[in-house]
Amino acid sequence: MPAINWGAPARPRSNGRFVTLLAVLLALLLAPAGGLARDAHRTWERAAWNLRTWYAVRSLPGPGREAGHFRVWLLGADAGEMTADPVTPPAALAGVDAAGREAGEEMPRQLVEQLEAAYSKVTGDLGVEPPGPVLLALYHDRCGLDRRAGGAAGTTTGVYAAGVIHLLWQGDLRGPLAHEMTHYLLDLVAPGRVPRWFQEGLAQLEEYRLTGKVLYDPALVPPVPWVRLDREFNRLPDEVAYGASLSLVLFLYHEGGDGALRQMVGALSRGVPFERAVRLCWGRSLAELDARRLGEAVPPRE
């Protein structure tokens, strides 16, 4: 693996965000009517995503540091930028060899390898390559993570919000990063257009495929129809919501394999509505697929 220079901070990009937004507005004003009708929604969608991410980055201390496919912030107990020697990992990171680094690096090489392993796996599986570095904030304690995530972290080790992945810097980061990177990529290609059950099911699948571990065993959760998952995800107990979501996405994966999942993400990136994308990629409606999964009578084709 080539040496990665952690020494120089990344240059701030706030001005670039404004330039991008201005360029988008100009393109919309000058676009021909047909092109505007086809692409206006996706263009505005991307502009809103860029603006939201730019605002989130402004709340982070400093510009962060470039590391391979990532721009990383190291945040201390108060969720402010660390001022201590960044070579020294927190006590909880006993599994990472702090001495395993090359000249010019300010981070353990094993940690960088974990980040790159998760990046390669998830982008390869989903067929999506981000246009720039993935924004990643690493926290030395759960309190800092929870404060930065607006209280949304709870007992988890990571959360994705507004273009930035927030992780607790503890142990092997590959699984949590694969999970949150899946959220990041789905939000990148189809912000606000992917149901929660599909996001969480696919994120757990990617985490499992990389690490062989899963938080909620779908075999221990009673089957939940997709309609109920779609409407009641936030009201279901975590083990039911997450386990049933993984069960449904596993079914889709076994029905269509990697090809269908990549096609699905590609269709979403082109603005195809979710249920129509399912039909395009699996050849059946979601209702038909779910009926087969649950062993029910398959409804007549529409």
C-alpha atoms as a PDB file:
ATOM      1  CA  MET A   1       0.000   0.000   0.000  1.00  0.00           C
ATOM      2  CA  PRO A   2       1.571   3.366  -0.949  1.00  0.00           C
ATOM      3  CA  ALA A   3       2.468   5.723   1.862  1.00  0.00           C
ATOM      4  CA  ILE A   4      -0.265   8.215   2.666  1.00  0.00           C
ATOM      5  CA  ASN A   5       0.791  11.639   3.812  1.00  0.00           C
ATOM      6  CA  TRP A   6      -1.299  12.677   6.788  1.00  0.00           C
ATOM      7  CA  GLY A   7       0.900  15.668   7.475  1.00  0.00           C
ATOM      8  CA  ALA A   8      -0.763  18.322   5.334  1.00  0.00           C
ATOM      9  CA  PRO A   9      -4.337  19.326   6.096  1.00  0.00           C
ATOM     10  CA  ALA A  10      -6.822  19.315   3.277  1.00  0.00           C
ATOM     11  CA  ARG A  11      -7.635  22.675   1.794  1.00  0.00           C
ATOM     12  CA  PRO A  12     -11.027  24.088   2.797  1.00  0.00           C
ATOM     13  CA  ARG A  13     -13.639  23.601   0.108  1.00  0.00           C
ATOM     14  CA  SER A  14     -16.407  25.920   1.180  1.00  0.00           C
ATOM     15  CA  ASN A  15     -15.898  28.286  -1.757  1.00  0.00           C
ATOM     16  CA  GLY A  16     -16.075  25.334  -4.136  1.00  0.00           C
ATOM     17  CA  ARG A  17     -19.497  24.443  -2.796  1.00  0.00           C
ATOM     18  CA  PHE A  18     -20.837  27.926  -3.560  1.00  0.00           C
ATOM     19  CA  VAL A  19     -19.283  27.843  -7.033  1.00  0.00           C
ATOM     20  CA  THR A  20     -20.943  24.477  -7.671  1.00  0.00           C
ATOM     21  CA  LEU A  21     -24.334  25.822  -6.633  1.00  0.00           C
ATOM     22  CA  LEU A  22     -23.962  28.893  -8.815  1.00  0.00           C
ATOM     23  CA  ALA A  23     -22.956  26.715 -11.745  1.00  0.00           C
ATOM     24  CA  VAL A  24     -26.008  24.517 -11.225  1.00  0.00           C
ATOM     25  CA  LEU A  25     -28.334  27.524 -11.193  1.00  0.00           C
ATOM     26  CA  LEU A  26     -26.758  28.883 -14.383  1.00  0.00           C
ATOM     27  CA  ALA A  27     -27.039  25.499 -16.085  1.00  0.00           C
ATOM     28  CA  LEU A  28     -30.716  25.286 -15.214  1.00  0.00           C
ATOM     29  CA  LEU A  29     -31.408  28.745 -16.600  1.00  0.00           C
ATOM     30  CA  LEU A  30     -29.579  28.036 -19.860  1.00  0.00           C
ATOM     31  CA  ALA A  31     -30.644  24.423 -20.404  1.00  0.00           C
ATOM     32  CA  PRO A  32     -32.978  23.581 -23.289  1.00  0.00           C
ATOM     33  CA  ALA A  33     -36.541  22.824 -22.292  1.00  0.00           C
ATOM     34  CA  GLY A  34     -36.269  19.068 -22.936  1.00  0.00           C
ATOM     35  CA  GLY A  35     -33.075  18.710 -20.952  1.00  0.00           C
ATOM     36  CA  LEU A  36     -34.519  20.778 -18.136  1.00  0.00           C
ATOM     37  CA  ALA A  37     -37.587  18.550 -17.955  1.00  0.00           C
ATOM     38  CA  ARG A  38     -35.424  15.404 -17.820  1.00  0.00           C
ATOM     39  CA  ASP A  39     -32.660  16.510 -15.500  1.00  0.00           C
ATOM     40  CA  ALA A  40     -33.942  19.365 -13.343  1.00  0.00           C
ATOM     41  CA  HIS A  41     -35.001  17.164 -10.444  1.00  0.00           C
ATOM     42  CA  ARG A  42     -31.694  15.284 -10.243  1.00  0.00           C
ATOM     43  CA  THR A  43     -29.740  18.541 -10.644  1.00  0.00           C
ATOM     44  CA  TRP A  44     -31.601  20.239  -7.808  1.00  0.00           C
ATOM     45  CA  GLU A  45     -31.305  17.072  -5.748  1.00  0.00           C
ATOM     46  CA  ARG A  46     -27.528  17.072  -6.090  1.00  0.00           C
ATOM     47  CA  ALA A  47     -27.324  20.807  -5.405  1.00  0.00           C
ATOM     48  CA  ALA A  48     -29.310  20.346  -2.181  1.00  0.00           C
ATOM     49  CA  TRP A  49     -27.037  17.437  -1.178  1.00  0.00           C
ATOM     50  CA  ASN A  50     -23.929  19.564  -1.772  1.00  0.00           C
ATOM     51  CA  LEU A  51     -25.336  22.450   0.233  1.00  0.00           C
ATOM     52  CA  ARG A  52     -26.355  20.194   3.126  1.00  0.00           C
ATOM     53  CA  THR A  53     -22.907  18.576   3.200  1.00  0.00           C
ATOM     54  CA  TRP A  54     -21.136  21.928   3.002  1.00  0.00           C
ATOM     55  CA  TYR A  55     -23.137  23.143   6.009  1.00  0.00           C
ATOM     56  CA  ALA A  56     -22.314  19.967   7.981  1.00  0.00           C
ATOM     57  CA  VAL A  57     -18.586  20.319   7.225  1.00  0.00           C
ATOM     58  CA  ARG A  58     -18.646  23.921   8.445  1.00  0.00           C
ATOM     59  CA  SER A  59     -19.613  22.625  11.906  1.00  0.00           C
ATOM     60  CA  LEU A  60     -16.499  20.428  12.099  1.00  0.00           C
ATOM     61  CA  PRO A  61     -13.318  21.940  13.553  1.00  0.00           C
ATOM     62  CA  GLY A  62     -10.623  22.570  10.962  1.00  0.00           C
ATOM     63  CA  PRO A  63     -10.391  21.300   7.404  1.00  0.00           C
ATOM     64  CA  GLY A  64      -9.672  17.639   8.206  1.00  0.00           C
ATOM     65  CA  ARG A  65      -6.871  15.603   6.647  1.00  0.00           C
ATOM     66  CA  GLU A  66      -6.791  13.681   3.386  1.00  0.00           C
ATOM     67  CA  ALA A  67      -6.146   9.915   3.641  1.00  0.00           C
ATOM     68  CA  GLY A  68      -6.642   7.852   0.508  1.00  0.00           C
ATOM     69  CA  HIS A  69     -10.339   7.963  -0.314  1.00  0.00           C
ATOM     70  CA  PHE A  70     -11.222   9.818   2.895  1.00  0.00           C
ATOM     71  CA  ARG A  71     -11.034  13.218   4.512  1.00  0.00           C
ATOM     72  CA  VAL A  72     -10.788  12.551   8.241  1.00  0.00           C
ATOM     73  CA  TRP A  73     -11.371  14.578  11.388  1.00  0.00           C
ATOM     74  CA  LEU A  74      -9.947  13.269  14.683  1.00  0.00           C
ATOM     75  CA  LEU A  75     -12.198  14.516  17.455  1.00  0.00           C
ATOM     76  CA  GLY A  76     -11.567  14.438  21.190  1.00  0.00           C
ATOM     77  CA  ALA A  77     -13.826  14.031  24.181  1.00  0.00           C
ATOM     78  CA  ASP A  78     -15.409  17.445  23.715  1.00  0.00           C
ATOM     79  CA  ALA A  79     -16.057  16.762  19.994  1.00  0.00           C
ATOM     80  CA  GLY A  80     -13.369  19.319  19.193  1.00  0.00           C
ATOM     81  CA  GLU A  81     -10.299  18.654  17.109  1.00  0.00           C
ATOM     82  CA  MET A  82      -7.649  16.648  18.950  1.00  0.00           C
ATOM     83  CA  THR A  83      -4.591  18.578  20.002  1.00  0.00           C
ATOM     84  CA  ALA A  84      -2.751  15.554  21.430  1.00  0.00           C
ATOM     85  CA  ASP A  85      -0.296  13.514  19.355  1.00  0.00           C
ATOM     86  CA  PRO A  86      -2.552  11.867  16.730  1.00  0.00           C
ATOM     87  CA  VAL A  87      -0.142   8.943  16.411  1.00  0.00           C
ATOM     88  CA  THR A  88      -1.275   7.660  19.820  1.00  0.00           C
ATOM     89  CA  PRO A  89      -4.605   5.833  19.518  1.00  0.00           C
ATOM     90  CA  PRO A  90      -7.155   5.771  22.347  1.00  0.00           C
ATOM     91  CA  ALA A  91      -6.844   3.018  24.933  1.00  0.00           C
ATOM     92  CA  ALA A  92      -9.886   1.266  23.471  1.00  0.00           C
ATOM     93  CA  LEU A  93      -8.018   0.776  20.176  1.00  0.00           C
ATOM     94  CA  ALA A  94      -5.837  -1.993  21.575  1.00  0.00           C
ATOM     95  CA  GLY A  95      -6.193  -4.055  18.395  1.00  0.00           C
ATOM     96  CA  VAL A  96      -4.480  -1.459  16.205  1.00  0.00           C
ATOM     97  CA  ASP A  97      -0.703  -1.346  16.053  1.00  0.00           C
ATOM     98  CA  ALA A  98       0.189   2.308  16.539  1.00  0.00           C
ATOM     99  CA  ALA A  99       3.794   1.576  15.554  1.00  0.00           C
ATOM    100  CA  GLY A 100       2.716   0.139  12.200  1.00  0.00           C
ATOM    101  CA  ARG A 101       3.026   3.315  10.168  1.00  0.00           C
ATOM    102  CA  GLU A 102       5.303   4.623   7.477  1.00  0.00           C
ATOM    103  CA  ALA A 103       7.381   7.764   7.465  1.00  0.00           C
ATOM    104  CA  GLY A 104       5.238  10.865   6.982  1.00  0.00           C
ATOM    105  CA  GLU A 105       2.076   9.236   8.349  1.00  0.00           C
ATOM    106  CA  GLU A 106       0.322  10.536  11.431  1.00  0.00           C
ATOM    107  CA  MET A 107      -2.133   7.632  11.746  1.00  0.00           C
ATOM    108  CA  PRO A 108      -1.621   3.909  12.372  1.00  0.00           C
ATOM    109  CA  ARG A 109      -1.258   2.189   9.016  1.00  0.00           C
ATOM    110  CA  GLN A 110      -3.602  -0.601  10.137  1.00  0.00           C
ATOM    111  CA  LEU A 111      -6.360   1.949  10.700  1.00  0.00           C
ATOM    112  CA  VAL A 112      -5.916   3.368   7.200  1.00  0.00           C
ATOM    113  CA  GLU A 113      -6.060  -0.147   5.786  1.00  0.00           C
ATOM    114  CA  GLN A 114      -9.345  -0.752   7.593  1.00  0.00           C
ATOM    115  CA  LEU A 115     -10.835   2.381   6.040  1.00  0.00           C
ATOM    116  CA  GLU A 116      -9.663   1.427   2.550  1.00  0.00           C
ATOM    117  CA  ALA A 117     -10.918  -2.166   2.917  1.00  0.00           C
ATOM    118  CA  ALA A 118     -14.424  -0.960   3.742  1.00  0.00           C
ATOM    119  CA  TYR A 119     -14.342   1.588   0.922  1.00  0.00           C
ATOM    120  CA  SER A 120     -13.273  -0.973  -1.697  1.00  0.00           C
ATOM    121  CA  LYS A 121     -15.843  -3.540  -0.594  1.00  0.00           C
ATOM    122  CA  VAL A 122     -18.889  -1.290  -0.492  1.00  0.00           C
ATOM    123  CA  THR A 123     -18.165   0.761  -3.609  1.00  0.00           C
ATOM    124  CA  GLY A 124     -17.424  -2.460  -5.513  1.00  0.00           C
ATOM    125  CA  ASP A 125     -20.580  -4.215  -4.347  1.00  0.00           C
ATOM    126  CA  LEU A 126     -22.864  -1.266  -5.089  1.00  0.00           C
ATOM    127  CA  GLY A 127     -21.096  -0.041  -8.221  1.00  0.00           C
ATOM    128  CA  VAL A 128     -20.875   3.548  -6.981  1.00  0.00           C
ATOM    129  CA  GLU A 129     -17.699   5.619  -6.857  1.00  0.00           C
ATOM    130  CA  PRO A 130     -18.018   8.875  -4.870  1.00  0.00           C
ATOM    131  CA  PRO A 131     -16.900  11.978  -6.794  1.00  0.00           C
ATOM    132  CA  GLY A 132     -14.568  13.070  -3.975  1.00  0.00           C
ATOM    133  CA  PRO A 133     -13.206  11.961  -0.618  1.00  0.00           C
ATOM    134  CA  VAL A 134     -15.648  10.422   1.850  1.00  0.00           C
ATOM    135  CA  LEU A 135     -16.031  12.692   4.876  1.00  0.00           C
ATOM    136  CA  LEU A 136     -15.317  10.809   8.104  1.00  0.00           C
ATOM    137  CA  ALA A 137     -15.229  12.037  11.709  1.00  0.00           C
ATOM    138  CA  LEU A 138     -13.612   9.722  14.290  1.00  0.00           C
ATOM    139  CA  TYR A 139     -14.421  10.209  17.972  1.00  0.00           C
ATOM    140  CA  HIS A 140     -12.430   9.121  21.000  1.00  0.00           C
ATOM    141  CA  ASP A 141     -15.503   8.580  23.166  1.00  0.00           C
ATOM    142  CA  ARG A 142     -19.223   7.938  22.842  1.00  0.00           C
ATOM    143  CA  CYS A 143     -20.194  11.245  24.461  1.00  0.00           C
ATOM    144  CA  GLY A 144     -18.393  13.174  21.749  1.00  0.00           C
ATOM    145  CA  LEU A 145     -20.022  11.063  19.042  1.00  0.00           C
ATOM    146  CA  ASP A 146     -23.468  11.489  20.567  1.00  0.00           C
ATOM    147  CA  ARG A 147     -23.115  15.255  20.910  1.00  0.00           C
ATOM    148  CA  ARG A 148     -21.870  15.683  17.363  1.00  0.00           C
ATOM    149  CA  ALA A 149     -24.673  13.465  16.033  1.00  0.00           C
ATOM    150  CA  GLY A 150     -27.287  15.522  17.858  1.00  0.00           C
ATOM    151  CA  GLY A 151     -28.068  12.741  20.301  1.00  0.00           C
ATOM    152  CA  ALA A 152     -28.816  10.260  17.510  1.00  0.00           C
ATOM    153  CA  ALA A 153     -25.922   7.875  18.170  1.00  0.00           C
ATOM    154  CA  GLY A 154     -27.376   6.174  21.252  1.00  0.00           C
ATOM    155  CA  THR A 155     -25.560   2.901  21.845  1.00  0.00           C
ATOM    156  CA  THR A 156     -24.356   2.474  18.255  1.00  0.00           C
ATOM    157  CA  THR A 157     -20.771   2.899  17.132  1.00  0.00           C
ATOM    158  CA  GLY A 158     -21.598   5.073  14.167  1.00  0.00           C
ATOM    159  CA  VAL A 159     -24.101   7.323  12.451  1.00  0.00           C
ATOM    160  CA  TYR A 160     -24.389   8.890   9.007  1.00  0.00           C
ATOM    161  CA  ALA A 161     -25.815  12.393   8.706  1.00  0.00           C
ATOM    162  CA  ALA A 162     -25.797  15.069   6.003  1.00  0.00           C
ATOM    163  CA  GLY A 163     -22.901  13.774   3.930  1.00  0.00           C
ATOM    164  CA  VAL A 164     -20.618  12.973   6.893  1.00  0.00           C
ATOM    165  CA  ILE A 165     -19.930   9.590   8.514  1.00  0.00           C
ATOM    166  CA  HIS A 166     -19.404   9.756  12.293  1.00  0.00           C
ATOM    167  CA  LEU A 167     -17.720   6.752  13.967  1.00  0.00           C
ATOM    168  CA  LEU A 168     -16.508   5.828  17.410  1.00  0.00           C
ATOM    169  CA  TRP A 169     -12.761   5.149  17.074  1.00  0.00           C
ATOM    170  CA  GLN A 170     -12.810   1.762  18.743  1.00  0.00           C
ATOM    171  CA  GLY A 171     -11.554  -1.632  17.610  1.00  0.00           C
ATOM    172  CA  ASP A 172     -11.949  -2.774  13.998  1.00  0.00           C
ATOM    173  CA  LEU A 173     -13.743  -0.042  12.061  1.00  0.00           C
ATOM    174  CA  ARG A 174     -14.382  -2.056   8.894  1.00  0.00           C
ATOM    175  CA  GLY A 175     -17.864  -3.272   9.855  1.00  0.00           C
ATOM    176  CA  PRO A 176     -19.269   0.007  11.182  1.00  0.00           C
ATOM    177  CA  LEU A 177     -17.710   1.909   8.282  1.00  0.00           C
ATOM    178  CA  ALA A 178     -19.145  -0.507   5.697  1.00  0.00           C
ATOM    179  CA  HIS A 179     -22.567  -0.011   7.294  1.00  0.00           C
ATOM    180  CA  GLU A 180     -22.405   3.785   7.319  1.00  0.00           C
ATOM    181  CA  MET A 181     -20.777   3.944   3.868  1.00  0.00           C
ATOM    182  CA  THR A 182     -23.813   2.126   2.485  1.00  0.00           C
ATOM    183  CA  HIS A 183     -26.035   4.866   3.945  1.00  0.00           C
ATOM    184  CA  TYR A 184     -23.675   7.485   2.518  1.00  0.00           C
ATOM    185  CA  LEU A 185     -23.735   6.042  -1.016  1.00  0.00           C
ATOM    186  CA  LEU A 186     -27.519   5.585  -1.070  1.00  0.00           C
ATOM    187  CA  ASP A 187     -27.949   9.152   0.114  1.00  0.00           C
ATOM    188  CA  LEU A 188     -25.471  10.311  -2.508  1.00  0.00           C
ATOM    189  CA  VAL A 189     -27.291   8.712  -5.453  1.00  0.00           C
ATOM    190  CA  ALA A 190     -30.910   8.973  -4.231  1.00  0.00           C
ATOM    191  CA  PRO A 191     -31.269  11.391  -1.311  1.00  0.00           C
ATOM    192  CA  GLY A 192     -34.587  10.948   0.449  1.00  0.00           C
ATOM    193  CA  ARG A 193     -35.865   8.394  -2.081  1.00  0.00           C
ATOM    194  CA  VAL A 194     -34.829   5.080  -0.473  1.00  0.00           C
ATOM    195  CA  PRO A 195     -37.079   3.548   2.224  1.00  0.00           C
ATOM    196  CA  ARG A 196     -35.547   3.049   5.636  1.00  0.00           C
ATOM    197  CA  TRP A 197     -35.921  -0.745   5.603  1.00  0.00           C
ATOM    198  CA  PHE A 198     -33.929  -1.062   2.379  1.00  0.00           C
ATOM    199  CA  GLN A 199     -31.207   1.258   3.644  1.00  0.00           C
ATOM    200  CA  GLU A 200     -30.788  -0.622   6.917  1.00  0.00           C
ATOM    201  CA  GLY A 201     -31.109  -4.058   5.359  1.00  0.00           C
ATOM    202  CA  LEU A 202     -28.500  -3.322   2.706  1.00  0.00           C
ATOM    203  CA  ALA A 203     -26.175  -1.643   5.218  1.00  0.00           C
ATOM    204  CA  GLN A 204     -26.321  -4.732   7.459  1.00  0.00           C
ATOM    205  CA  LEU A 205     -25.727  -6.985   4.455  1.00  0.00           C
ATOM    206  CA  GLU A 206     -22.598  -5.057   3.476  1.00  0.00           C
ATOM    207  CA  GLU A 207     -21.341  -5.152   7.061  1.00  0.00           C
ATOM    208  CA  TYR A 208     -21.931  -8.904   7.217  1.00  0.00           C
ATOM    209  CA  ARG A 209     -20.259  -9.596   3.876  1.00  0.00           C
ATOM    210  CA  LEU A 210     -17.134  -7.802   5.036  1.00  0.00           C
ATOM    211  CA  THR A 211     -16.893  -9.035   8.634  1.00  0.00           C
ATOM    212  CA  GLY A 212     -19.166 -12.085   8.953  1.00  0.00           C
ATOM    213  CA  LYS A 213     -20.941 -10.410  11.872  1.00  0.00           C
ATOM    214  CA  VAL A 214     -24.480  -9.123  12.263  1.00  0.00           C
ATOM    215  CA  LEU A 215     -26.098  -7.309  15.169  1.00  0.00           C
ATOM    216  CA  TYR A 216     -29.585  -8.792  14.808  1.00  0.00           C
ATOM    217  CA  ASP A 217     -29.913 -12.351  13.483  1.00  0.00           C
ATOM    218  CA  PRO A 218     -32.759 -12.350  10.940  1.00  0.00           C
ATOM    219  CA  ALA A 219     -33.386 -16.040  11.636  1.00  0.00           C
ATOM    220  CA  LEU A 220     -34.544 -15.102  15.141  1.00  0.00           C
ATOM    221  CA  VAL A 221     -37.013 -12.472  13.968  1.00  0.00           C
ATOM    222  CA  PRO A 222     -40.534 -13.362  12.773  1.00  0.00           C
ATOM    223  CA  PRO A 223     -41.206 -12.378   9.150  1.00  0.00           C
ATOM    224  CA  VAL A 224     -42.568  -8.866   8.725  1.00  0.00           C
ATOM    225  CA  PRO A 225     -44.349  -7.893   5.466  1.00  0.00           C
ATOM    226  CA  TRP A 226     -42.580  -5.157   3.567  1.00  0.00           C
ATOM    227  CA  VAL A 227     -45.651  -2.908   3.746  1.00  0.00           C
ATOM    228  CA  ARG A 228     -45.459  -2.934   7.537  1.00  0.00           C
ATOM    229  CA  LEU A 229     -41.703  -2.348   7.476  1.00  0.00           C
ATOM    230  CA  ASP A 230     -42.232   0.543   5.099  1.00  0.00           C
ATOM    231  CA  ARG A 231     -44.878   2.207   7.276  1.00  0.00           C
ATOM    232  CA  GLU A 232     -43.834   1.291  10.811  1.00  0.00           C
ATOM    233  CA  PHE A 233     -40.041   0.902  10.807  1.00  0.00           C
ATOM    234  CA  ASN A 234     -39.450   3.590  13.432  1.00  0.00           C
ATOM    235  CA  ARG A 235     -42.171   2.201  15.706  1.00  0.00           C
ATOM    236  CA  LEU A 236     -40.945  -1.399  15.708  1.00  0.00           C
ATOM    237  CA  PRO A 237     -38.432  -2.697  18.287  1.00  0.00           C
ATOM    238  CA  ASP A 238     -34.890  -2.414  16.937  1.00  0.00           C
ATOM    239  CA  GLU A 239     -34.322  -6.161  16.770  1.00  0.00           C
ATOM    240  CA  VAL A 240     -37.519  -6.577  14.739  1.00  0.00           C
ATOM    241  CA  ALA A 241     -37.038  -3.581  12.440  1.00  0.00           C
ATOM    242  CA  TYR A 242     -33.386  -4.291  11.669  1.00  0.00           C
ATOM    243  CA  GLY A 243     -33.619  -8.082  11.639  1.00  0.00           C
ATOM    244  CA  ALA A 244     -36.677  -8.110   9.364  1.00  0.00           C
ATOM    245  CA  SER A 245     -35.075  -5.535   7.048  1.00  0.00           C
ATOM    246  CA  LEU A 246     -31.982  -7.704   6.685  1.00  0.00           C
ATOM    247  CA  SER A 247     -34.192 -10.737   6.051  1.00  0.00           C
ATOM    248  CA  LEU A 248     -36.001  -8.984   3.197  1.00  0.00           C
ATOM    249  CA  VAL A 249     -32.818  -7.621   1.612  1.00  0.00           C
ATOM    250  CA  LEU A 250     -31.175 -11.065   1.929  1.00  0.00           C
ATOM    251  CA  PHE A 251     -34.134 -12.516   0.036  1.00  0.00           C
ATOM    252  CA  LEU A 252     -33.702  -9.942  -2.734  1.00  0.00           C
ATOM    253  CA  TYR A 253     -29.967 -10.640  -2.815  1.00  0.00           C
ATOM    254  CA  HIS A 254     -30.483 -14.401  -3.163  1.00  0.00           C
ATOM    255  CA  GLU A 255     -33.079 -13.800  -5.895  1.00  0.00           C
ATOM    256  CA  GLY A 256     -30.912 -11.502  -8.013  1.00  0.00           C
ATOM    257  CA  GLY A 257     -27.368 -11.529  -6.671  1.00  0.00           C
ATOM    258  CA  ASP A 258     -24.865  -8.696  -6.900  1.00  0.00           C
ATOM    259  CA  GLY A 259     -26.030  -7.825 -10.395  1.00  0.00           C
ATOM    260  CA  ALA A 260     -29.560  -6.979  -9.305  1.00  0.00           C
ATOM    261  CA  LEU A 261     -28.348  -4.910  -6.343  1.00  0.00           C
ATOM    262  CA  ARG A 262     -25.958  -2.908  -8.547  1.00  0.00           C
ATOM    263  CA  GLN A 263     -28.674  -2.394 -11.153  1.00  0.00           C
ATOM    264  CA  MET A 264     -31.027  -1.253  -8.389  1.00  0.00           C
ATOM    265  CA  VAL A 265     -28.582   1.359  -7.132  1.00  0.00           C
ATOM    266  CA  GLY A 266     -27.922   2.456 -10.710  1.00  0.00           C
ATOM    267  CA  ALA A 267     -31.633   2.852 -11.418  1.00  0.00           C
ATOM    268  CA  LEU A 268     -32.100   4.894  -8.250  1.00  0.00           C
ATOM    269  CA  SER A 269     -29.194   7.118  -9.295  1.00  0.00           C
ATOM    270  CA  ARG A 270     -31.018   7.860 -12.558  1.00  0.00           C
ATOM    271  CA  GLY A 271     -34.091   9.004 -10.638  1.00  0.00           C
ATOM    272  CA  VAL A 272     -36.213   5.873 -11.103  1.00  0.00           C
ATOM    273  CA  PRO A 273     -38.763   5.604  -8.245  1.00  0.00           C
ATOM    274  CA  PHE A 274     -37.967   2.846  -5.753  1.00  0.00           C
ATOM    275  CA  GLU A 275     -40.782   0.371  -6.475  1.00  0.00           C
ATOM    276  CA  ARG A 276     -40.393   0.804 -10.237  1.00  0.00           C
ATOM    277  CA  ALA A 277     -36.652   0.155  -9.860  1.00  0.00           C
ATOM    278  CA  VAL A 278     -37.418  -3.106  -8.022  1.00  0.00           C
ATOM    279  CA  ARG A 279     -39.608  -4.253 -10.904  1.00  0.00           C
ATOM    280  CA  LEU A 280     -36.949  -3.314 -13.464  1.00  0.00           C
ATOM    281  CA  CYS A 281     -34.189  -5.194 -11.638  1.00  0.00           C
ATOM    282  CA  TRP A 282     -36.036  -8.283 -10.369  1.00  0.00           C
ATOM    283  CA  GLY A 283     -38.746  -8.588 -13.027  1.00  0.00           C
ATOM    284  CA  ARG A 284     -41.535  -8.593 -10.434  1.00  0.00           C
ATOM    285  CA  SER A 285     -43.238  -6.071  -8.203  1.00  0.00           C
ATOM    286  CA  LEU A 286     -42.130  -5.759  -4.599  1.00  0.00           C
ATOM    287  CA  ALA A 287     -45.539  -7.112  -3.526  1.00  0.00           C
ATOM    288  CA  GLU A 288     -45.005 -10.242  -5.653  1.00  0.00           C
ATOM    289  CA  LEU A 289     -41.477 -10.777  -4.363  1.00  0.00           C
ATOM    290  CA  ASP A 290     -42.547 -10.321  -0.761  1.00  0.00           C
ATOM    291  CA  ALA A 291     -45.439 -12.740  -1.169  1.00  0.00           C
ATOM    292  CA  ARG A 292     -43.005 -15.379  -2.411  1.00  0.00           C
ATOM    293  CA  ARG A 293     -40.728 -14.672   0.553  1.00  0.00           C
ATOM    294  CA  LEU A 294     -43.578 -15.089   3.016  1.00  0.00           C
ATOM    295  CA  GLY A 295     -44.969 -18.158   1.258  1.00  0.00           C
ATOM    296  CA  GLU A 296     -48.225 -16.453   0.410  1.00  0.00           C
ATOM    297  CA  ALA A 297     -50.212 -16.655  -2.798  1.00  0.00           C
ATOM    298  CA  VAL A 298     -48.519 -14.460  -5.373  1.00  0.00           C
ATOM    299  CA  PRO A 299     -50.860 -11.601  -6.357  1.00  0.00           C
ATOM    300  CA  PRO A 300     -51.797 -11.319 -10.042  1.00  0.00           C
ATOM    301  CA  ARG A 301     -49.497  -9.230 -12.186  1.00  0.00           C
ATOM    302  CA  GLU A 302     -50.590  -5.665 -12.672  1.00  0.00           C
END
